[in-house]
């Protein structure tokens, strides 16, 4: 499968890199660290004006009309730049929450029992395929408590399970199914009238699963961008830092570290790009696993190459490592991705001696894995 980018895709990626270099350079990134990760609303609006959040909305709805492969390229650049904020949630909420597509609203998301990022600044919170706004949102925020975050650019709040009880009530933006919904027991949603109940439930479940896996893929793209950036940083440092009268990049041990970083990044890139084309949940799980490993291990190796200065607060390497740790637990974290991948591989592999035809996702003879 050929994953060479088209001219338009290259221009899109280059344009986003130029934009981030202009509006979120190192000085602004360090300023964000000093203010505890509080979002810059003007930066959020600039991203909205550039089409970052509305990229996949149809043109008739005010969007750019592009697809998941193009979104992956933008999120890869965001990860490379250590761009803070609930980027994935706001992107997924475009078309659902007023102002999200334009960058006028900040949208975060509930991800299982994990702490919620940037909750204090959020104008809406995604819960499954719905979004808490208004009074349910205020109650949700009031019941949460701040917790210490390992990443200084990502403030976190711990929430209780009861915080989502408002879903289905007034103040909730519902998904695109278009059915009239009323609140049921314990906040469950039901469609008025028995005829559409089952169909609407199936649509809601499918939409929730689509958002879940798309969010995991975009998070993997951020991890990929971080892995690529730390590889570049390590190689650059190895070429300029000298020990015993020679660049440390001339030492075999350092060469091996840099080579290993590249060898982790490129398979992750291929997996992320492939999953963006197919949208297959099993391929997304594989991409997330590879990208998580590349982001974490590359940041560790980059820190190792930097030596003692890599551990200092003034260096940026530790920020990539801390963000990679947070992302690896979020949106299809390790255990969930491994279970999904194992189940998918088992489903397409026939038993020995079986004449069954491999199911969807099985590689053809002689094809790549």
Protein backbone atom coordinates (compact mmCIF):
# COMPACT_ATOMS: atom_id res chain seq x y z
CA UNK A 1 0.00 0.00 0.00
CA UNK A 2 1.42 3.40 -1.03
CA UNK A 3 1.34 6.02 1.73
CA UNK A 4 3.10 8.77 -0.20
CA UNK A 5 1.33 12.06 0.46
CA UNK A 6 -0.33 13.96 -2.35
CA UNK A 7 0.77 17.50 -3.17
CA UNK A 8 -2.31 18.87 -1.42
CA UNK A 9 -1.61 16.82 1.69
CA UNK A 10 2.01 17.98 1.78
CA UNK A 11 0.87 21.57 1.45
CA UNK A 12 -1.66 21.06 4.27
CA UNK A 13 0.99 19.62 6.59
CA UNK A 14 3.51 22.29 5.68
CA UNK A 15 0.97 25.04 6.23
CA UNK A 16 0.09 23.73 9.68
CA UNK A 17 3.77 23.47 10.63
CA UNK A 18 4.35 27.07 9.50
CA UNK A 19 1.30 28.23 11.46
CA UNK A 20 2.40 26.51 14.65
CA UNK A 21 5.93 27.84 14.25
CA UNK A 22 4.41 31.33 14.11
CA UNK A 23 1.79 31.14 16.85
CA UNK A 24 3.27 28.53 19.21
CA UNK A 25 7.03 28.80 19.14
CA UNK A 26 9.23 27.72 22.04
CA UNK A 27 8.80 31.01 23.92
CA UNK A 28 5.02 30.67 23.89
CA UNK A 29 5.25 27.02 24.80
CA UNK A 30 7.41 27.83 27.85
CA UNK A 31 5.02 30.67 28.75
CA UNK A 32 2.19 28.14 28.74
CA UNK A 33 4.23 25.93 31.08
CA UNK A 34 4.73 28.85 33.47
CA UNK A 35 1.00 29.58 33.66
CA UNK A 36 0.20 25.96 34.45
CA UNK A 37 -1.15 24.92 31.08
CA UNK A 38 -3.99 27.46 31.01
CA UNK A 39 -5.23 27.69 27.44
CA UNK A 40 -4.64 30.71 25.26
CA UNK A 41 -8.07 31.43 23.79
CA UNK A 42 -6.60 33.57 21.03
CA UNK A 43 -4.47 30.61 19.92
CA UNK A 44 -7.56 28.38 20.03
CA UNK A 45 -9.39 30.82 17.74
CA UNK A 46 -6.42 30.94 15.36
CA UNK A 47 -6.58 27.16 15.09
CA UNK A 48 -10.29 27.42 14.39
CA UNK A 49 -9.75 30.04 11.71
CA UNK A 50 -7.16 27.77 10.08
CA UNK A 51 -9.74 24.97 9.85
CA UNK A 52 -8.10 22.70 12.42
CA UNK A 53 -11.36 21.80 14.15
CA UNK A 54 -13.71 22.04 11.14
CA UNK A 55 -11.42 20.08 8.82
CA UNK A 56 -13.80 17.13 8.40
CA UNK A 57 -17.10 19.02 8.42
CA UNK A 58 -18.80 19.21 5.01
CA UNK A 59 -18.28 22.44 3.14
CA UNK A 60 -22.01 23.16 3.22
CA UNK A 61 -21.78 23.06 7.03
CA UNK A 62 -18.95 25.58 7.06
CA UNK A 63 -16.14 23.01 7.17
CA UNK A 64 -13.20 22.15 4.94
CA UNK A 65 -14.64 18.86 3.67
CA UNK A 66 -11.51 16.74 4.09
CA UNK A 67 -11.14 13.32 5.72
CA UNK A 68 -9.45 11.36 8.46
CA UNK A 69 -6.08 11.03 6.64
CA UNK A 70 -5.79 14.81 6.47
CA UNK A 71 -6.82 15.17 10.12
CA UNK A 72 -4.05 12.75 11.08
CA UNK A 73 -1.49 15.02 9.37
CA UNK A 74 -2.64 18.04 11.37
CA UNK A 75 -2.62 16.18 14.67
CA UNK A 76 0.83 14.82 13.90
CA UNK A 77 2.03 18.42 13.62
CA UNK A 78 0.26 19.34 16.85
CA UNK A 79 2.04 16.51 18.66
CA UNK A 80 5.35 17.58 17.17
CA UNK A 81 4.86 21.12 18.54
CA UNK A 82 3.60 19.95 21.98
CA UNK A 83 0.47 22.00 21.34
CA UNK A 84 -1.61 21.91 24.56
CA UNK A 85 -5.33 21.62 25.08
CA UNK A 86 -8.15 19.15 24.38
CA UNK A 87 -7.55 19.25 20.64
CA UNK A 88 -9.03 15.83 19.89
CA UNK A 89 -12.25 16.43 21.80
CA UNK A 90 -12.84 19.86 20.25
CA UNK A 91 -12.19 18.46 16.77
CA UNK A 92 -14.63 15.61 17.37
CA UNK A 93 -17.23 18.06 18.73
CA UNK A 94 -17.22 20.26 15.61
CA UNK A 95 -20.78 20.29 14.32
CA UNK A 96 -22.13 19.15 17.70
CA UNK A 97 -21.15 21.95 20.07
CA UNK A 98 -21.74 25.55 19.08
CA UNK A 99 -18.50 27.38 18.47
CA UNK A 100 -16.26 24.28 18.49
CA UNK A 101 -15.59 24.33 14.75
CA UNK A 102 -14.54 27.98 14.87
CA UNK A 103 -12.35 27.63 17.94
CA UNK A 104 -14.71 29.79 19.98
CA UNK A 105 -15.50 26.89 22.33
CA UNK A 106 -13.14 24.58 24.20
CA UNK A 107 -14.46 21.02 24.43
CA UNK A 108 -12.95 18.31 26.59
CA UNK A 109 -14.07 14.70 27.04
CA UNK A 110 -14.75 12.01 29.62
CA UNK A 111 -12.49 9.02 28.96
CA UNK A 112 -13.56 6.17 31.23
CA UNK A 113 -12.42 6.75 34.79
CA UNK A 114 -9.37 8.80 33.81
CA UNK A 115 -9.04 12.41 35.01
CA UNK A 116 -10.50 14.97 32.60
CA UNK A 117 -8.10 17.42 30.97
CA UNK A 118 -8.71 21.19 30.95
CA UNK A 119 -12.09 20.78 32.63
CA UNK A 120 -12.05 24.18 34.36
CA UNK A 121 -11.76 25.94 30.98
CA UNK A 122 -14.21 23.77 29.04
CA UNK A 123 -17.36 25.16 27.44
CA UNK A 124 -18.63 21.60 26.92
CA UNK A 125 -17.68 18.05 27.86
CA UNK A 126 -18.12 15.11 25.51
CA UNK A 127 -19.69 12.08 27.17
CA UNK A 128 -19.85 9.36 24.57
CA UNK A 129 -21.54 10.91 21.53
CA UNK A 130 -23.22 13.68 23.53
CA UNK A 131 -21.92 16.89 25.07
CA UNK A 132 -22.67 18.39 28.47
CA UNK A 133 -23.39 22.11 28.28
CA UNK A 134 -25.21 24.65 30.42
CA UNK A 135 -26.37 23.63 33.89
CA UNK A 136 -25.36 19.93 33.58
CA UNK A 137 -21.86 21.10 32.70
CA UNK A 138 -21.71 23.46 35.67
CA UNK A 139 -22.83 20.69 38.00
CA UNK A 140 -20.28 18.33 36.50
CA UNK A 141 -17.45 20.81 37.02
CA UNK A 142 -18.58 21.66 40.55
CA UNK A 143 -18.43 17.98 41.56
CA UNK A 144 -14.89 17.54 40.21
CA UNK A 145 -11.65 18.12 42.09
CA UNK A 146 -8.26 19.09 40.68
CA UNK A 147 -5.48 16.51 40.79
CA UNK A 148 -1.78 16.94 40.18
CA UNK A 149 -0.78 16.30 36.59
CA UNK A 150 2.58 14.93 35.52
CA UNK A 151 2.40 17.20 32.46
CA UNK A 152 2.57 20.91 33.36
CA UNK A 153 0.72 21.72 30.12
CA UNK A 154 -2.27 19.49 30.96
CA UNK A 155 -4.29 20.39 34.08
CA UNK A 156 -6.47 17.49 35.26
CA UNK A 157 -9.64 17.06 37.30
CA UNK A 158 -10.93 13.87 38.88
CA UNK A 159 -14.66 13.36 38.37
CA UNK A 160 -17.18 10.96 39.87
CA UNK A 161 -19.37 8.53 37.94
CA UNK A 162 -22.41 10.51 39.07
CA UNK A 163 -21.15 13.47 37.10
CA UNK A 164 -22.58 12.10 33.85
CA UNK A 165 -26.07 11.55 35.22
CA UNK A 166 -27.28 14.66 33.40
CA UNK A 167 -26.83 13.12 29.97
CA UNK A 168 -30.17 13.04 28.21
CA UNK A 169 -31.54 15.98 30.22
CA UNK A 170 -31.86 19.62 29.23
CA UNK A 171 -28.53 21.22 28.51
CA UNK A 172 -27.18 18.26 26.57
CA UNK A 173 -26.26 18.53 22.91
CA UNK A 174 -27.23 15.23 21.32
CA UNK A 175 -25.69 13.38 18.41
CA UNK A 176 -26.70 13.50 14.75
CA UNK A 177 -29.36 10.83 14.89
CA UNK A 178 -32.04 13.50 14.81
CA UNK A 179 -34.51 11.51 16.94
CA UNK A 180 -36.41 13.16 19.77
CA UNK A 181 -35.00 11.90 23.06
CA UNK A 182 -36.26 11.94 26.63
CA UNK A 183 -34.49 11.18 29.88
CA UNK A 184 -34.80 7.66 31.22
CA UNK A 185 -33.82 6.04 34.53
CA UNK A 186 -30.35 6.99 35.80
CA UNK A 187 -29.89 9.39 32.90
CA UNK A 188 -30.39 6.68 30.24
CA UNK A 189 -31.81 7.94 26.97
CA UNK A 190 -34.87 6.58 25.23
CA UNK A 191 -36.55 7.62 21.98
CA UNK A 192 -40.16 8.71 22.23
CA UNK A 193 -42.30 6.04 20.62
CA UNK A 194 -41.46 2.33 20.41
CA UNK A 195 -40.90 2.16 16.66
CA UNK A 196 -37.64 4.05 16.57
CA UNK A 197 -36.17 2.95 19.90
CA UNK A 198 -34.02 0.09 18.66
CA UNK A 199 -32.83 1.88 15.52
CA UNK A 200 -31.93 5.03 17.44
CA UNK A 201 -30.05 3.02 20.04
CA UNK A 202 -28.07 1.28 17.31
CA UNK A 203 -27.27 4.63 15.66
CA UNK A 204 -26.19 6.12 18.96
CA UNK A 205 -23.96 3.13 19.78
CA UNK A 206 -22.37 3.20 16.33
CA UNK A 207 -21.76 6.94 16.58
CA UNK A 208 -20.21 6.57 20.03
CA UNK A 209 -17.89 3.81 18.82
CA UNK A 210 -16.89 5.86 15.78
CA UNK A 211 -15.98 8.82 17.99
CA UNK A 212 -14.05 6.51 20.33
CA UNK A 213 -11.87 5.03 17.60
CA UNK A 214 -11.37 8.27 15.70
CA UNK A 215 -10.28 9.88 18.96
CA UNK A 216 -7.80 7.05 19.55
CA UNK A 217 -6.35 7.45 16.05
CA UNK A 218 -5.94 11.22 16.38
CA UNK A 219 -4.24 10.69 19.73
CA UNK A 220 -1.91 8.18 18.06
CA UNK A 221 -1.12 10.84 15.45
CA UNK A 222 -0.11 13.23 18.22
CA UNK A 223 2.13 10.52 19.65
CA UNK A 224 3.67 10.01 16.21
CA UNK A 225 4.46 13.71 15.91
CA UNK A 226 6.12 13.69 19.32
CA UNK A 227 8.18 10.61 18.44
CA UNK A 228 9.39 12.25 15.22
CA UNK A 229 10.28 15.48 17.01
CA UNK A 230 12.31 13.79 19.73
CA UNK A 231 14.16 11.81 17.05
CA UNK A 232 15.06 15.03 15.26
CA UNK A 233 16.09 16.67 18.54
CA UNK A 234 18.31 13.73 19.52
CA UNK A 235 20.06 13.64 16.15
CA UNK A 236 20.64 17.38 16.20
CA UNK A 237 22.08 17.28 19.72
CA UNK A 238 24.26 14.28 18.91
CA UNK A 239 25.74 16.20 15.99
CA UNK A 240 26.65 19.31 17.98
CA UNK A 241 27.49 18.08 21.47
CA UNK A 242 31.15 17.09 21.79
CA UNK A 243 32.93 14.77 24.18
CA UNK A 244 36.66 13.88 24.03
CA UNK A 245 37.02 16.22 21.06
CA UNK A 246 34.38 14.51 18.90
CA UNK A 247 30.60 14.86 18.39
CA UNK A 248 28.82 12.31 20.56
CA UNK A 249 26.98 11.18 17.43
CA UNK A 250 30.20 9.54 16.30
CA UNK A 251 30.03 7.11 19.23
CA UNK A 252 28.48 3.75 18.41
CA UNK A 253 26.18 3.66 21.44
CA UNK A 254 24.64 7.01 20.51
CA UNK A 255 24.31 5.96 16.87
CA UNK A 256 22.37 2.89 17.95
CA UNK A 257 20.01 4.96 20.12
CA UNK A 258 19.23 7.33 17.25
CA UNK A 259 18.76 4.43 14.82
CA UNK A 260 16.39 2.71 17.24
CA UNK A 261 14.34 5.90 17.52
CA UNK A 262 13.90 6.09 13.76
CA UNK A 263 13.14 2.36 13.60
CA UNK A 264 10.26 2.88 16.04
CA UNK A 265 8.92 6.05 14.42
CA UNK A 266 8.55 4.88 10.82
CA UNK A 267 6.55 1.67 11.50
CA UNK A 268 4.29 3.75 13.75
CA UNK A 269 3.86 6.26 10.94
CA UNK A 270 2.90 3.53 8.47
CA UNK A 271 0.40 2.07 10.94
CA UNK A 272 -1.20 5.44 11.74
CA UNK A 273 -1.50 6.39 8.06
CA UNK A 274 -2.93 2.98 7.15
CA UNK A 275 -5.51 3.15 9.93
CA UNK A 276 -6.51 6.62 8.75
CA UNK A 277 -7.27 5.20 5.31
CA UNK A 278 -9.21 2.14 6.46
CA UNK A 279 -10.76 3.40 9.72
CA UNK A 280 -10.64 -0.21 10.91
CA UNK A 281 -10.80 -0.49 14.74
CA UNK A 282 -8.22 -3.29 14.85
CA UNK A 283 -5.79 -1.29 12.76
CA UNK A 284 -6.40 1.76 14.93
CA UNK A 285 -5.59 -0.33 18.02
CA UNK A 286 -2.32 -1.47 16.42
CA UNK A 287 -1.46 2.10 15.43
CA UNK A 288 -2.12 3.37 18.94
CA UNK A 289 0.12 0.71 20.48
CA UNK A 290 2.99 1.42 18.08
CA UNK A 291 2.67 5.19 18.40
CA UNK A 292 2.53 5.03 22.20
CA UNK A 293 5.69 2.93 22.31
CA UNK A 294 7.49 5.20 19.86
CA UNK A 295 6.56 8.38 21.73
CA UNK A 296 7.55 7.10 25.17
CA UNK A 297 10.71 5.20 24.27
CA UNK A 298 11.93 7.89 21.89
CA UNK A 299 11.53 10.56 24.55
CA UNK A 300 13.46 8.39 26.99
CA UNK A 301 16.26 7.81 24.49
CA UNK A 302 16.33 11.49 23.58
CA UNK A 303 16.69 12.33 27.25
CA UNK A 304 19.50 9.78 27.54
CA UNK A 305 21.36 11.35 24.62
CA UNK A 306 21.04 14.78 26.24
CA UNK A 307 22.66 13.42 29.40
CA UNK A 308 22.33 15.36 32.65
CA UNK A 309 20.90 18.46 30.97
CA UNK A 310 18.00 16.40 29.66
CA UNK A 311 16.65 16.08 33.19
CA UNK A 312 16.61 19.83 33.82
CA UNK A 313 13.45 21.92 33.84
CA UNK A 314 14.86 24.21 31.14
CA UNK A 315 15.08 21.37 28.60
CA UNK A 316 11.98 20.42 26.59
CA UNK A 317 12.64 16.68 26.39
CA UNK A 318 10.88 15.89 29.66
CA UNK A 319 7.73 17.62 28.41
CA UNK A 320 7.50 15.21 25.49
CA UNK A 321 7.98 12.25 27.83
CA UNK A 322 5.32 13.41 30.29
CA UNK A 323 2.79 14.16 27.56
CA UNK A 324 3.50 10.77 25.96
CA UNK A 325 2.78 9.03 29.26
CA UNK A 326 -0.58 10.79 29.57
CA UNK A 327 -1.61 10.06 25.98
CA UNK A 328 -0.64 6.40 26.25
CA UNK A 329 -3.24 5.91 28.99
CA UNK A 330 -5.93 7.88 27.14
CA UNK A 331 -8.30 6.84 24.37
CA UNK A 332 -7.74 3.13 23.91
CA UNK A 333 -4.94 2.70 26.41
CA UNK A 334 -2.50 -0.20 26.32
CA UNK A 335 -4.58 -3.05 27.77
CA UNK A 336 -7.74 -2.14 25.82
CA UNK A 337 -5.81 -1.81 22.56
CA UNK A 338 -4.02 -5.12 23.14
CA UNK A 339 -7.30 -6.94 23.81
CA UNK A 340 -8.90 -5.48 20.68
CA UNK A 341 -5.89 -6.30 18.54
CA UNK A 342 -5.70 -9.86 19.88
CA UNK A 343 -9.40 -10.43 19.26
CA UNK A 344 -9.11 -9.02 15.75
CA UNK A 345 -6.13 -11.16 14.84
CA UNK A 346 -7.86 -14.26 16.18
CA UNK A 347 -10.99 -13.51 14.19
CA UNK A 348 -9.22 -13.42 10.82
CA UNK A 349 -6.84 -16.35 11.34
CA UNK A 350 -8.35 -19.77 10.50
CA UNK A 351 -7.49 -22.84 12.56
CA UNK A 352 -4.82 -25.18 11.14
CA UNK A 353 -6.32 -27.43 8.50
CA UNK A 354 -9.36 -25.22 8.06
CA UNK A 355 -10.46 -24.26 4.55
CA UNK A 356 -12.19 -21.14 5.81
CA UNK A 357 -11.44 -17.95 3.92
CA UNK A 358 -9.71 -15.31 6.03
CA UNK A 359 -12.01 -12.50 7.04
CA UNK A 360 -11.64 -8.79 6.41
CA UNK A 361 -8.29 -7.44 7.46
CA UNK A 362 -6.25 -10.57 6.62
CA UNK A 363 -3.22 -9.70 4.49
CA UNK A 364 -3.07 -11.16 1.02
CA UNK A 365 -0.27 -13.57 0.16
CA UNK A 366 2.94 -11.65 -0.35
CA UNK A 367 1.43 -8.43 1.01
CA UNK A 368 2.69 -6.29 3.85
CA UNK A 369 1.53 -6.91 7.40
